[in-house]
Amino acid sequence: MVNIPLNLNTLKINHRIPNSQFEVYTAGFRIDDNTGLSVCIFPKDETPDIYRFELNKNNTILQAELAAIDFGVRWALENHKSINIHIDSRSSIEALRSAKPRSAFVISVKKNFTFIWPVI
């Protein structure tokens, strides 16, 4: 993998990857004082894997959304799979599209991307 300086990282918004092996759906949420995230990984013609995590109550929904995205991307990288990732958080997308994010957490999530994203 080539290291690209962070100030040059931008997300290239493309159409869906037609030959992806998995569809991944991410969500961050807050219910009462509980913050969490969920990632659903749908292989073709198989039962999906669903991952749920509870975060610290001080975490924000944006952090939960970004953590869910990061989990999905890391899963794909570790398993050498191509994915289409579905995100319903515009603020997360904008944070990741930023050429010079200030948040250390956004920077850490962004470093795992190959920068081909479907956005509907």
PDB file of N, CA and C in Angstrom:
ATOM      1  N   MET A   1       0.838  -1.165   0.000  1.00  0.00           N
ATOM      2  CA  MET A   1       0.000   0.000   0.000  1.00  0.00           C
ATOM      3  C   MET A   1       0.890   1.237   0.000  1.00  0.00           C
ATOM      4  N   VAL A   2       0.525   2.220  -0.777  1.00  0.00           N
ATOM      5  CA  VAL A   2       1.291   3.448  -0.889  1.00  0.00           C
ATOM      6  C   VAL A   2       0.819   4.441   0.162  1.00  0.00           C
ATOM      7  N   ASN A   3       1.753   5.074   0.850  1.00  0.00           N
ATOM      8  CA  ASN A   3       1.393   6.111   1.807  1.00  0.00           C
ATOM      9  C   ASN A   3       1.216   7.427   1.066  1.00  0.00           C
ATOM     10  N   ILE A   4       0.026   8.006   1.197  1.00  0.00           N
ATOM     11  CA  ILE A   4      -0.282   9.285   0.569  1.00  0.00           C
ATOM     12  C   ILE A   4      -0.356  10.323   1.675  1.00  0.00           C
ATOM     13  N   PRO A   5       0.309  11.452   1.527  1.00  0.00           N
ATOM     14  CA  PRO A   5       0.217  12.481   2.561  1.00  0.00           C
ATOM     15  C   PRO A   5      -1.246  12.856   2.811  1.00  0.00           C
ATOM     16  N   LEU A   6      -1.606  13.033   4.082  1.00  0.00           N
ATOM     17  CA  LEU A   6      -2.999  13.294   4.441  1.00  0.00           C
ATOM     18  C   LEU A   6      -3.568  14.521   3.741  1.00  0.00           C
ATOM     19  N   ASN A   7      -2.747  15.521   3.489  1.00  0.00           N
ATOM     20  CA  ASN A   7      -3.289  16.717   2.862  1.00  0.00           C
ATOM     21  C   ASN A   7      -3.674  16.473   1.408  1.00  0.00           C
ATOM     22  N   LEU A   8      -3.324  15.317   0.843  1.00  0.00           N
ATOM     23  CA  LEU A   8      -3.700  14.995  -0.527  1.00  0.00           C
ATOM     24  C   LEU A   8      -4.872  14.021  -0.601  1.00  0.00           C
ATOM     25  N   ASN A   9      -5.304  13.512   0.537  1.00  0.00           N
ATOM     26  CA  ASN A   9      -6.404  12.545   0.542  1.00  0.00           C
ATOM     27  C   ASN A   9      -7.735  13.238   0.300  1.00  0.00           C
ATOM     28  N   THR A  10      -8.419  12.811  -0.717  1.00  0.00           N
ATOM     29  CA  THR A  10      -9.795  13.229  -0.942  1.00  0.00           C
ATOM     30  C   THR A  10     -10.567  11.999  -1.376  1.00  0.00           C
ATOM     31  N   LEU A  11     -11.832  11.993  -1.069  1.00  0.00           N
ATOM     32  CA  LEU A  11     -12.652  10.850  -1.472  1.00  0.00           C
ATOM     33  C   LEU A  11     -13.161  11.083  -2.874  1.00  0.00           C
ATOM     34  N   LYS A  12     -12.998  10.114  -3.702  1.00  0.00           N
ATOM     35  CA  LYS A  12     -13.469  10.155  -5.075  1.00  0.00           C
ATOM     36  C   LYS A  12     -14.826   9.465  -5.090  1.00  0.00           C
ATOM     37  N   ILE A  13     -15.864  10.217  -5.362  1.00  0.00           N
ATOM     38  CA  ILE A  13     -17.212   9.671  -5.313  1.00  0.00           C
ATOM     39  C   ILE A  13     -17.532   9.037  -6.653  1.00  0.00           C
ATOM     40  N   ASN A  14     -17.644   7.732  -6.668  1.00  0.00           N
ATOM     41  CA  ASN A  14     -17.953   6.989  -7.886  1.00  0.00           C
ATOM     42  C   ASN A  14     -19.284   6.276  -7.728  1.00  0.00           C
ATOM     43  N   HIS A  15     -19.710   5.679  -8.791  1.00  0.00           N
ATOM     44  CA  HIS A  15     -20.896   4.844  -8.731  1.00  0.00           C
ATOM     45  C   HIS A  15     -20.560   3.566  -7.991  1.00  0.00           C
ATOM     46  N   ARG A  16     -21.554   2.770  -7.763  1.00  0.00           N
ATOM     47  CA  ARG A  16     -21.361   1.503  -7.066  1.00  0.00           C
ATOM     48  C   ARG A  16     -20.353   0.620  -7.788  1.00  0.00           C
ATOM     49  N   ILE A  17     -19.641  -0.165  -7.019  1.00  0.00           N
ATOM     50  CA  ILE A  17     -18.725  -1.140  -7.590  1.00  0.00           C
ATOM     51  C   ILE A  17     -19.581  -2.312  -8.069  1.00  0.00           C
ATOM     52  N   PRO A  18     -19.642  -2.557  -9.369  1.00  0.00           N
ATOM     53  CA  PRO A  18     -20.560  -3.580  -9.873  1.00  0.00           C
ATOM     54  C   PRO A  18     -20.207  -5.000  -9.446  1.00  0.00           C
ATOM     55  N   ASN A  19     -18.946  -5.295  -9.239  1.00  0.00           N
ATOM     56  CA  ASN A  19     -18.542  -6.660  -8.889  1.00  0.00           C
ATOM     57  C   ASN A  19     -18.155  -6.799  -7.420  1.00  0.00           C
ATOM     58  N   SER A  20     -18.713  -5.944  -6.570  1.00  0.00           N
ATOM     59  CA  SER A  20     -18.349  -6.045  -5.152  1.00  0.00           C
ATOM     60  C   SER A  20     -18.843  -7.375  -4.598  1.00  0.00           C
ATOM     61  N   GLN A  21     -18.138  -7.858  -3.600  1.00  0.00           N
ATOM     62  CA  GLN A  21     -18.482  -9.148  -3.009  1.00  0.00           C
ATOM     63  C   GLN A  21     -19.495  -9.004  -1.874  1.00  0.00           C
ATOM     64  N   PHE A  22     -19.583  -7.797  -1.299  1.00  0.00           N
ATOM     65  CA  PHE A  22     -20.449  -7.572  -0.147  1.00  0.00           C
ATOM     66  C   PHE A  22     -21.074  -6.183  -0.211  1.00  0.00           C
ATOM     67  N   GLU A  23     -22.259  -6.082   0.379  1.00  0.00           N
ATOM     68  CA  GLU A  23     -22.904  -4.801   0.629  1.00  0.00           C
ATOM     69  C   GLU A  23     -22.817  -4.577   2.133  1.00  0.00           C
ATOM     70  N   VAL A  24     -22.305  -3.426   2.542  1.00  0.00           N
ATOM     71  CA  VAL A  24     -22.112  -3.137   3.959  1.00  0.00           C
ATOM     72  C   VAL A  24     -22.937  -1.905   4.323  1.00  0.00           C
ATOM     73  N   TYR A  25     -23.748  -2.024   5.361  1.00  0.00           N
ATOM     74  CA  TYR A  25     -24.580  -0.928   5.851  1.00  0.00           C
ATOM     75  C   TYR A  25     -24.089  -0.541   7.237  1.00  0.00           C
ATOM     76  N   THR A  26     -23.923   0.757   7.468  1.00  0.00           N
ATOM     77  CA  THR A  26     -23.414   1.231   8.756  1.00  0.00           C
ATOM     78  C   THR A  26     -24.412   2.176   9.405  1.00  0.00           C
ATOM     79  N   ALA A  27     -24.379   2.230  10.729  1.00  0.00           N
ATOM     80  CA  ALA A  27     -25.235   3.159  11.467  1.00  0.00           C
ATOM     81  C   ALA A  27     -24.634   3.449  12.828  1.00  0.00           C
ATOM     82  N   GLY A  28     -24.749   4.690  13.217  1.00  0.00           N
ATOM     83  CA  GLY A  28     -24.422   5.103  14.576  1.00  0.00           C
ATOM     84  C   GLY A  28     -25.716   5.598  15.200  1.00  0.00           C
ATOM     85  N   PHE A  29     -25.854   5.457  16.504  1.00  0.00           N
ATOM     86  CA  PHE A  29     -27.115   5.856  17.123  1.00  0.00           C
ATOM     87  C   PHE A  29     -26.928   6.212  18.586  1.00  0.00           C
ATOM     88  N   ARG A  30     -27.909   6.932  19.086  1.00  0.00           N
ATOM     89  CA  ARG A  30     -27.990   7.239  20.518  1.00  0.00           C
ATOM     90  C   ARG A  30     -29.418   6.973  20.951  1.00  0.00           C
ATOM     91  N   ILE A  31     -29.566   6.157  21.985  1.00  0.00           N
ATOM     92  CA  ILE A  31     -30.858   5.881  22.583  1.00  0.00           C
ATOM     93  C   ILE A  31     -30.720   6.190  24.073  1.00  0.00           C
ATOM     94  N   ASP A  32     -31.476   7.181  24.523  1.00  0.00           N
ATOM     95  CA  ASP A  32     -31.351   7.698  25.883  1.00  0.00           C
ATOM     96  C   ASP A  32     -29.900   8.146  26.083  1.00  0.00           C
ATOM     97  N   ASP A  33     -29.190   7.584  27.044  1.00  0.00           N
ATOM     98  CA  ASP A  33     -27.790   7.953  27.273  1.00  0.00           C
ATOM     99  C   ASP A  33     -26.817   6.956  26.654  1.00  0.00           C
ATOM    100  N   ASN A  34     -27.320   6.052  25.842  1.00  0.00           N
ATOM    101  CA  ASN A  34     -26.482   5.007  25.253  1.00  0.00           C
ATOM    102  C   ASN A  34     -26.148   5.336  23.807  1.00  0.00           C
ATOM    103  N   THR A  35     -24.866   5.285  23.490  1.00  0.00           N
ATOM    104  CA  THR A  35     -24.398   5.511  22.124  1.00  0.00           C
ATOM    105  C   THR A  35     -23.838   4.200  21.609  1.00  0.00           C
ATOM    106  N   GLY A  36     -24.132   3.894  20.344  1.00  0.00           N
ATOM    107  CA  GLY A  36     -23.636   2.647  19.798  1.00  0.00           C
ATOM    108  C   GLY A  36     -23.538   2.682  18.297  1.00  0.00           C
ATOM    109  N   LEU A  37     -23.119   1.568  17.735  1.00  0.00           N
ATOM    110  CA  LEU A  37     -23.000   1.462  16.291  1.00  0.00           C
ATOM    111  C   LEU A  37     -23.365   0.062  15.863  1.00  0.00           C
ATOM    112  N   SER A  38     -23.753  -0.029  14.611  1.00  0.00           N
ATOM    113  CA  SER A  38     -24.105  -1.321  14.033  1.00  0.00           C
ATOM    114  C   SER A  38     -23.557  -1.375  12.618  1.00  0.00           C
ATOM    115  N   VAL A  39     -23.070  -2.544  12.237  1.00  0.00           N
ATOM    116  CA  VAL A  39     -22.571  -2.778  10.886  1.00  0.00           C
ATOM    117  C   VAL A  39     -23.165  -4.092  10.408  1.00  0.00           C
ATOM    118  N   CYS A  40     -23.841  -4.050   9.276  1.00  0.00           N
ATOM    119  CA  CYS A  40     -24.427  -5.254   8.671  1.00  0.00           C
ATOM    120  C   CYS A  40     -23.681  -5.549   7.383  1.00  0.00           C
ATOM    121  N   ILE A  41     -23.140  -6.742   7.271  1.00  0.00           N
ATOM    122  CA  ILE A  41     -22.357  -7.144   6.109  1.00  0.00           C
ATOM    123  C   ILE A  41     -23.135  -8.237   5.378  1.00  0.00           C
ATOM    124  N   PHE A  42     -23.579  -7.898   4.167  1.00  0.00           N
ATOM    125  CA  PHE A  42     -24.416  -8.797   3.379  1.00  0.00           C
ATOM    126  C   PHE A  42     -23.615  -9.426   2.249  1.00  0.00           C
ATOM    127  N   PRO A  43     -23.274 -10.711   2.381  1.00  0.00           N
ATOM    128  CA  PRO A  43     -22.684 -11.419   1.241  1.00  0.00           C
ATOM    129  C   PRO A  43     -23.795 -11.788   0.264  1.00  0.00           C
ATOM    130  N   LYS A  44     -23.434 -12.037  -0.951  1.00  0.00           N
ATOM    131  CA  LYS A  44     -24.432 -12.429  -1.943  1.00  0.00           C
ATOM    132  C   LYS A  44     -25.005 -13.796  -1.591  1.00  0.00           C
ATOM    133  N   ASP A  45     -26.313 -13.869  -1.506  1.00  0.00           N
ATOM    134  CA  ASP A  45     -27.048 -15.127  -1.296  1.00  0.00           C
ATOM    135  C   ASP A  45     -26.698 -15.851  -0.006  1.00  0.00           C
ATOM    136  N   GLU A  46     -26.302 -15.119   1.026  1.00  0.00           N
ATOM    137  CA  GLU A  46     -26.013 -15.741   2.317  1.00  0.00           C
ATOM    138  C   GLU A  46     -26.608 -14.894   3.436  1.00  0.00           C
ATOM    139  N   THR A  47     -26.658 -15.459   4.624  1.00  0.00           N
ATOM    140  CA  THR A  47     -27.142 -14.735   5.792  1.00  0.00           C
ATOM    141  C   THR A  47     -26.135 -13.643   6.157  1.00  0.00           C
ATOM    142  N   PRO A  48     -26.618 -12.436   6.443  1.00  0.00           N
ATOM    143  CA  PRO A  48     -25.682 -11.347   6.775  1.00  0.00           C
ATOM    144  C   PRO A  48     -25.074 -11.512   8.159  1.00  0.00           C
ATOM    145  N   ASP A  49     -23.893 -10.935   8.315  1.00  0.00           N
ATOM    146  CA  ASP A  49     -23.269 -10.822   9.629  1.00  0.00           C
ATOM    147  C   ASP A  49     -23.645  -9.450  10.173  1.00  0.00           C
ATOM    148  N   ILE A  50     -24.081  -9.414  11.427  1.00  0.00           N
ATOM    149  CA  ILE A  50     -24.471  -8.157  12.053  1.00  0.00           C
ATOM    150  C   ILE A  50     -23.600  -7.957  13.286  1.00  0.00           C
ATOM    151  N   TYR A  51     -22.932  -6.808  13.320  1.00  0.00           N
ATOM    152  CA  TYR A  51     -22.053  -6.460  14.434  1.00  0.00           C
ATOM    153  C   TYR A  51     -22.645  -5.252  15.143  1.00  0.00           C
ATOM    154  N   ARG A  52     -22.739  -5.323  16.470  1.00  0.00           N
ATOM    155  CA  ARG A  52     -23.251  -4.219  17.271  1.00  0.00           C
ATOM    156  C   ARG A  52     -22.299  -3.951  18.417  1.00  0.00           C
ATOM    157  N   PHE A  53     -22.059  -2.661  18.656  1.00  0.00           N
ATOM    158  CA  PHE A  53     -21.136  -2.268  19.717  1.00  0.00           C
ATOM    159  C   PHE A  53     -21.737  -1.110  20.503  1.00  0.00           C
ATOM    160  N   GLU A  54     -21.567  -1.160  21.806  1.00  0.00           N
ATOM    161  CA  GLU A  54     -21.954  -0.037  22.646  1.00  0.00           C
ATOM    162  C   GLU A  54     -20.702   0.791  22.928  1.00  0.00           C
ATOM    163  N   LEU A  55     -20.824   2.088  22.815  1.00  0.00           N
ATOM    164  CA  LEU A  55     -19.714   2.991  23.067  1.00  0.00           C
ATOM    165  C   LEU A  55     -19.903   3.672  24.415  1.00  0.00           C
ATOM    166  N   ASN A  56     -18.932   4.453  24.795  1.00  0.00           N
ATOM    167  CA  ASN A  56     -19.013   5.249  26.002  1.00  0.00           C
ATOM    168  C   ASN A  56     -20.146   6.257  25.857  1.00  0.00           C
ATOM    169  N   LYS A  57     -20.849   6.562  26.925  1.00  0.00           N
ATOM    170  CA  LYS A  57     -21.971   7.501  26.819  1.00  0.00           C
ATOM    171  C   LYS A  57     -21.524   8.913  26.443  1.00  0.00           C
ATOM    172  N   ASN A  58     -20.235   9.195  26.545  1.00  0.00           N
ATOM    173  CA  ASN A  58     -19.729  10.508  26.153  1.00  0.00           C
ATOM    174  C   ASN A  58     -19.449  10.614  24.653  1.00  0.00           C
ATOM    175  N   ASN A  59     -19.493   9.491  23.926  1.00  0.00           N
ATOM    176  CA  ASN A  59     -19.283   9.523  22.486  1.00  0.00           C
ATOM    177  C   ASN A  59     -20.472  10.168  21.790  1.00  0.00           C
ATOM    178  N   THR A  60     -20.196  10.842  20.686  1.00  0.00           N
ATOM    179  CA  THR A  60     -21.249  11.488  19.907  1.00  0.00           C
ATOM    180  C   THR A  60     -21.772  10.531  18.841  1.00  0.00           C
ATOM    181  N   ILE A  61     -22.895  10.893  18.252  1.00  0.00           N
ATOM    182  CA  ILE A  61     -23.433  10.093  17.147  1.00  0.00           C
ATOM    183  C   ILE A  61     -22.464  10.131  15.968  1.00  0.00           C
ATOM    184  N   LEU A  62     -21.848  11.283  15.695  1.00  0.00           N
ATOM    185  CA  LEU A  62     -20.863  11.378  14.612  1.00  0.00           C
ATOM    186  C   LEU A  62     -19.713  10.403  14.846  1.00  0.00           C
ATOM    187  N   GLN A  63     -19.222  10.327  16.067  1.00  0.00           N
ATOM    188  CA  GLN A  63     -18.145   9.380  16.370  1.00  0.00           C
ATOM    189  C   GLN A  63     -18.613   7.940  16.164  1.00  0.00           C
ATOM    190  N   ALA A  64     -19.851   7.660  16.541  1.00  0.00           N
ATOM    191  CA  ALA A  64     -20.395   6.310  16.346  1.00  0.00           C
ATOM    192  C   ALA A  64     -20.517   5.999  14.855  1.00  0.00           C
ATOM    193  N   GLU A  65     -20.992   6.962  14.068  1.00  0.00           N
ATOM    194  CA  GLU A  65     -21.104   6.773  12.616  1.00  0.00           C
ATOM    195  C   GLU A  65     -19.730   6.505  12.006  1.00  0.00           C
ATOM    196  N   LEU A  66     -18.746   7.308  12.392  1.00  0.00           N
ATOM    197  CA  LEU A  66     -17.389   7.135  11.855  1.00  0.00           C
ATOM    198  C   LEU A  66     -16.782   5.805  12.294  1.00  0.00           C
ATOM    199  N   ALA A  67     -17.049   5.395  13.521  1.00  0.00           N
ATOM    200  CA  ALA A  67     -16.539   4.108  14.009  1.00  0.00           C
ATOM    201  C   ALA A  67     -17.172   2.956  13.236  1.00  0.00           C
ATOM    202  N   ALA A  68     -18.454   3.086  12.890  1.00  0.00           N
ATOM    203  CA  ALA A  68     -19.121   2.045  12.100  1.00  0.00           C
ATOM    204  C   ALA A  68     -18.507   1.956  10.706  1.00  0.00           C
ATOM    205  N   ILE A  69     -18.262   3.095  10.088  1.00  0.00           N
ATOM    206  CA  ILE A  69     -17.627   3.132   8.765  1.00  0.00           C
ATOM    207  C   ILE A  69     -16.241   2.497   8.849  1.00  0.00           C
ATOM    208  N   ASP A  70     -15.489   2.879   9.872  1.00  0.00           N
ATOM    209  CA  ASP A  70     -14.143   2.350  10.060  1.00  0.00           C
ATOM    210  C   ASP A  70     -14.181   0.835  10.234  1.00  0.00           C
ATOM    211  N   PHE A  71     -15.129   0.326  10.996  1.00  0.00           N
ATOM    212  CA  PHE A  71     -15.253  -1.122  11.190  1.00  0.00           C
ATOM    213  C   PHE A  71     -15.497  -1.813   9.858  1.00  0.00           C
ATOM    214  N   GLY A  72     -16.434  -1.290   9.055  1.00  0.00           N
ATOM    215  CA  GLY A  72     -16.740  -1.898   7.761  1.00  0.00           C
ATOM    216  C   GLY A  72     -15.542  -1.906   6.823  1.00  0.00           C
ATOM    217  N   VAL A  73     -14.826  -0.792   6.786  1.00  0.00           N
ATOM    218  CA  VAL A  73     -13.653  -0.692   5.912  1.00  0.00           C
ATOM    219  C   VAL A  73     -12.545  -1.625   6.394  1.00  0.00           C
ATOM    220  N   ARG A  74     -12.292  -1.636   7.693  1.00  0.00           N
ATOM    221  CA  ARG A  74     -11.253  -2.528   8.233  1.00  0.00           C
ATOM    222  C   ARG A  74     -11.604  -3.996   7.978  1.00  0.00           C
ATOM    223  N   TRP A  75     -12.891  -4.335   8.132  1.00  0.00           N
ATOM    224  CA  TRP A  75     -13.324  -5.704   7.865  1.00  0.00           C
ATOM    225  C   TRP A  75     -12.992  -6.091   6.425  1.00  0.00           C
ATOM    226  N   ALA A  76     -13.307  -5.202   5.491  1.00  0.00           N
ATOM    227  CA  ALA A  76     -13.033  -5.483   4.073  1.00  0.00           C
ATOM    228  C   ALA A  76     -11.539  -5.632   3.819  1.00  0.00           C
ATOM    229  N   LEU A  77     -10.736  -4.755   4.414  1.00  0.00           N
ATOM    230  CA  LEU A  77      -9.285  -4.828   4.219  1.00  0.00           C
ATOM    231  C   LEU A  77      -8.709  -6.110   4.809  1.00  0.00           C
ATOM    232  N   GLU A  78      -9.119  -6.452   6.025  1.00  0.00           N
ATOM    233  CA  GLU A  78      -8.590  -7.645   6.690  1.00  0.00           C
ATOM    234  C   GLU A  78      -8.996  -8.928   5.970  1.00  0.00           C
ATOM    235  N   ASN A  79     -10.169  -8.916   5.331  1.00  0.00           N
ATOM    236  CA  ASN A  79     -10.671 -10.106   4.653  1.00  0.00           C
ATOM    237  C   ASN A  79     -10.435 -10.072   3.142  1.00  0.00           C
ATOM    238  N   HIS A  80      -9.748  -9.036   2.666  1.00  0.00           N
ATOM    239  CA  HIS A  80      -9.417  -8.896   1.243  1.00  0.00           C
ATOM    240  C   HIS A  80     -10.675  -8.984   0.371  1.00  0.00           C
ATOM    241  N   LYS A  81     -11.696  -8.207   0.751  1.00  0.00           N
ATOM    242  CA  LYS A  81     -12.967  -8.200   0.037  1.00  0.00           C
ATOM    243  C   LYS A  81     -13.252  -6.814  -0.527  1.00  0.00           C
ATOM    244  N   SER A  82     -13.951  -6.789  -1.652  1.00  0.00           N
ATOM    245  CA  SER A  82     -14.417  -5.507  -2.184  1.00  0.00           C
ATOM    246  C   SER A  82     -15.853  -5.308  -1.700  1.00  0.00           C
ATOM    247  N   ILE A  83     -16.159  -4.074  -1.297  1.00  0.00           N
ATOM    248  CA  ILE A  83     -17.476  -3.799  -0.733  1.00  0.00           C
ATOM    249  C   ILE A  83     -18.068  -2.526  -1.329  1.00  0.00           C
ATOM    250  N   ASN A  84     -19.380  -2.463  -1.300  1.00  0.00           N
ATOM    251  CA  ASN A  84     -20.108  -1.214  -1.424  1.00  0.00           C
ATOM    252  C   ASN A  84     -20.564  -0.899  -0.015  1.00  0.00           C
ATOM    253  N   ILE A  85     -20.255   0.293   0.464  1.00  0.00           N
ATOM    254  CA  ILE A  85     -20.628   0.659   1.829  1.00  0.00           C
ATOM    255  C   ILE A  85     -21.712   1.724   1.752  1.00  0.00           C
ATOM    256  N   HIS A  86     -22.770   1.513   2.507  1.00  0.00           N
ATOM    257  CA  HIS A  86     -23.933   2.405   2.491  1.00  0.00           C
ATOM    258  C   HIS A  86     -23.954   3.193   3.798  1.00  0.00           C
ATOM    259  N   ILE A  87     -23.944   4.500   3.666  1.00  0.00           N
ATOM    260  CA  ILE A  87     -23.842   5.403   4.809  1.00  0.00           C
ATOM    261  C   ILE A  87     -24.983   6.407   4.719  1.00  0.00           C
ATOM    262  N   ASP A  88     -25.682   6.616   5.825  1.00  0.00           N
ATOM    263  CA  ASP A  88     -26.763   7.600   5.821  1.00  0.00           C
ATOM    264  C   ASP A  88     -26.409   8.869   6.593  1.00  0.00           C
ATOM    265  N   SER A  89     -25.145   9.041   6.896  1.00  0.00           N
ATOM    266  CA  SER A  89     -24.700  10.186   7.684  1.00  0.00           C
ATOM    267  C   SER A  89     -23.925  11.169   6.814  1.00  0.00           C
ATOM    268  N   ARG A  90     -24.611  12.231   6.396  1.00  0.00           N
ATOM    269  CA  ARG A  90     -23.958  13.245   5.561  1.00  0.00           C
ATOM    270  C   ARG A  90     -22.773  13.876   6.301  1.00  0.00           C
ATOM    271  N   SER A  91     -22.897  14.094   7.601  1.00  0.00           N
ATOM    272  CA  SER A  91     -21.799  14.709   8.346  1.00  0.00           C
ATOM    273  C   SER A  91     -20.561  13.816   8.339  1.00  0.00           C
ATOM    274  N   SER A  92     -20.746  12.504   8.396  1.00  0.00           N
ATOM    275  CA  SER A  92     -19.600  11.588   8.320  1.00  0.00           C
ATOM    276  C   SER A  92     -18.961  11.632   6.943  1.00  0.00           C
ATOM    277  N   ILE A  93     -19.792  11.649   5.923  1.00  0.00           N
ATOM    278  CA  ILE A  93     -19.273  11.719   4.550  1.00  0.00           C
ATOM    279  C   ILE A  93     -18.484  13.004   4.354  1.00  0.00           C
ATOM    280  N   GLU A  94     -19.039  14.116   4.809  1.00  0.00           N
ATOM    281  CA  GLU A  94     -18.350  15.403   4.653  1.00  0.00           C
ATOM    282  C   GLU A  94     -17.050  15.430   5.448  1.00  0.00           C
ATOM    283  N   ALA A  95     -17.060  14.858   6.643  1.00  0.00           N
ATOM    284  CA  ALA A  95     -15.826  14.808   7.444  1.00  0.00           C
ATOM    285  C   ALA A  95     -14.754  14.004   6.720  1.00  0.00           C
ATOM    286  N   LEU A  96     -15.147  12.886   6.113  1.00  0.00           N
ATOM    287  CA  LEU A  96     -14.182  12.046   5.409  1.00  0.00           C
ATOM    288  C   LEU A  96     -13.760  12.641   4.068  1.00  0.00           C
ATOM    289  N   ARG A  97     -14.599  13.455   3.475  1.00  0.00           N
ATOM    290  CA  ARG A  97     -14.254  14.104   2.205  1.00  0.00           C
ATOM    291  C   ARG A  97     -13.307  15.282   2.402  1.00  0.00           C
ATOM    292  N   SER A  98     -13.236  15.796   3.601  1.00  0.00           N
ATOM    293  CA  SER A  98     -12.406  16.960   3.888  1.00  0.00           C
ATOM    294  C   SER A  98     -10.942  16.670   3.542  1.00  0.00           C
ATOM    295  N   ALA A  99     -10.335  17.579   2.809  1.00  0.00           N
ATOM    296  CA  ALA A  99      -8.929  17.402   2.415  1.00  0.00           C
ATOM    297  C   ALA A  99      -7.990  17.547   3.613  1.00  0.00           C
ATOM    298  N   LYS A 100      -8.378  18.350   4.581  1.00  0.00           N
ATOM    299  CA  LYS A 100      -7.533  18.577   5.757  1.00  0.00           C
ATOM    300  C   LYS A 100      -8.356  18.505   7.037  1.00  0.00           C
ATOM    301  N   PRO A 101      -8.763  17.298   7.422  1.00  0.00           N
ATOM    302  CA  PRO A 101      -9.550  17.200   8.655  1.00  0.00           C
ATOM    303  C   PRO A 101      -8.703  17.566   9.869  1.00  0.00           C
ATOM    304  N   ARG A 102      -9.347  18.166  10.860  1.00  0.00           N
ATOM    305  CA  ARG A 102      -8.637  18.545  12.085  1.00  0.00           C
ATOM    306  C   ARG A 102      -8.776  17.487  13.172  1.00  0.00           C
ATOM    307  N   SER A 103      -9.788  16.668  13.069  1.00  0.00           N
ATOM    308  CA  SER A 103     -10.042  15.655  14.085  1.00  0.00           C
ATOM    309  C   SER A 103      -9.096  14.469  13.913  1.00  0.00           C
ATOM    310  N   ALA A 104      -8.416  14.109  14.987  1.00  0.00           N
ATOM    311  CA  ALA A 104      -7.508  12.955  14.945  1.00  0.00           C
ATOM    312  C   ALA A 104      -8.292  11.678  14.647  1.00  0.00           C
ATOM    313  N   PHE A 105      -9.527  11.602  15.135  1.00  0.00           N
ATOM    314  CA  PHE A 105     -10.340  10.415  14.889  1.00  0.00           C
ATOM    315  C   PHE A 105     -10.708  10.310  13.409  1.00  0.00           C
ATOM    316  N   VAL A 106     -11.094  11.409  12.795  1.00  0.00           N
ATOM    317  CA  VAL A 106     -11.412  11.410  11.360  1.00  0.00           C
ATOM    318  C   VAL A 106     -10.182  11.008  10.557  1.00  0.00           C
ATOM    319  N   ILE A 107      -9.037  11.545  10.911  1.00  0.00           N
ATOM    320  CA  ILE A 107      -7.788  11.206  10.218  1.00  0.00           C
ATOM    321  C   ILE A 107      -7.499   9.707  10.343  1.00  0.00           C
ATOM    322  N   SER A 108      -7.714   9.149  11.537  1.00  0.00           N
ATOM    323  CA  SER A 108      -7.434   7.720  11.727  1.00  0.00           C
ATOM    324  C   SER A 108      -8.399   6.846  10.931  1.00  0.00           C
ATOM    325  N   VAL A 109      -9.660   7.260  10.794  1.00  0.00           N
ATOM    326  CA  VAL A 109     -10.628   6.508   9.994  1.00  0.00           C
ATOM    327  C   VAL A 109     -10.269   6.619   8.519  1.00  0.00           C
ATOM    328  N   LYS A 110      -9.927   7.808   8.110  1.00  0.00           N
ATOM    329  CA  LYS A 110      -9.666   8.107   6.694  1.00  0.00           C
ATOM    330  C   LYS A 110      -8.449   7.363   6.143  1.00  0.00           C
ATOM    331  N   LYS A 111      -7.498   7.026   6.982  1.00  0.00           N
ATOM    332  CA  LYS A 111      -6.260   6.414   6.486  1.00  0.00           C
ATOM    333  C   LYS A 111      -6.467   5.021   5.902  1.00  0.00           C
ATOM    334  N   ASN A 112      -7.599   4.394   6.176  1.00  0.00           N
ATOM    335  CA  ASN A 112      -7.851   3.039   5.691  1.00  0.00           C
ATOM    336  C   ASN A 112      -8.571   2.978   4.358  1.00  0.00           C
ATOM    337  N   PHE A 113      -8.925   4.106   3.802  1.00  0.00           N
ATOM    338  CA  PHE A 113      -9.720   4.106   2.581  1.00  0.00           C
ATOM    339  C   PHE A 113      -8.890   3.951   1.319  1.00  0.00           C
ATOM    340  N   THR A 114      -9.489   3.268   0.358  1.00  0.00           N
ATOM    341  CA  THR A 114      -8.928   3.244  -0.986  1.00  0.00           C
ATOM    342  C   THR A 114      -9.615   4.284  -1.848  1.00  0.00           C
ATOM    343  N   PHE A 115     -10.522   5.036  -1.255  1.00  0.00           N
ATOM    344  CA  PHE A 115     -11.160   6.206  -1.854  1.00  0.00           C
ATOM    345  C   PHE A 115     -12.039   5.936  -3.055  1.00  0.00           C
ATOM    346  N   ILE A 116     -12.751   4.845  -3.030  1.00  0.00           N
ATOM    347  CA  ILE A 116     -13.798   4.608  -4.033  1.00  0.00           C
ATOM    348  C   ILE A 116     -15.065   4.360  -3.243  1.00  0.00           C
ATOM    349  N   TRP A 117     -15.967   5.319  -3.271  1.00  0.00           N
ATOM    350  CA  TRP A 117     -17.171   5.248  -2.449  1.00  0.00           C
ATOM    351  C   TRP A 117     -18.417   5.393  -3.268  1.00  0.00           C
ATOM    352  N   PRO A 118     -19.407   4.545  -3.047  1.00  0.00           N
ATOM    353  CA  PRO A 118     -20.728   4.802  -3.628  1.00  0.00           C
ATOM    354  C   PRO A 118     -21.495   5.727  -2.703  1.00  0.00           C
ATOM    355  N   VAL A 119     -22.091   6.740  -3.237  1.00  0.00           N
ATOM    356  CA  VAL A 119     -22.975   7.616  -2.468  1.00  0.00           C
ATOM    357  C   VAL A 119     -24.258   7.762  -3.247  1.00  0.00           C
ATOM    358  N   ILE A 120     -25.366   7.481  -2.587  1.00  0.00           N
ATOM    359  CA  ILE A 120     -26.653   7.555  -3.256  1.00  0.00           C
ATOM    360  C   ILE A 120     -27.373   8.803  -2.826  1.00  0.00           C
TER     361      ILE A 120
END
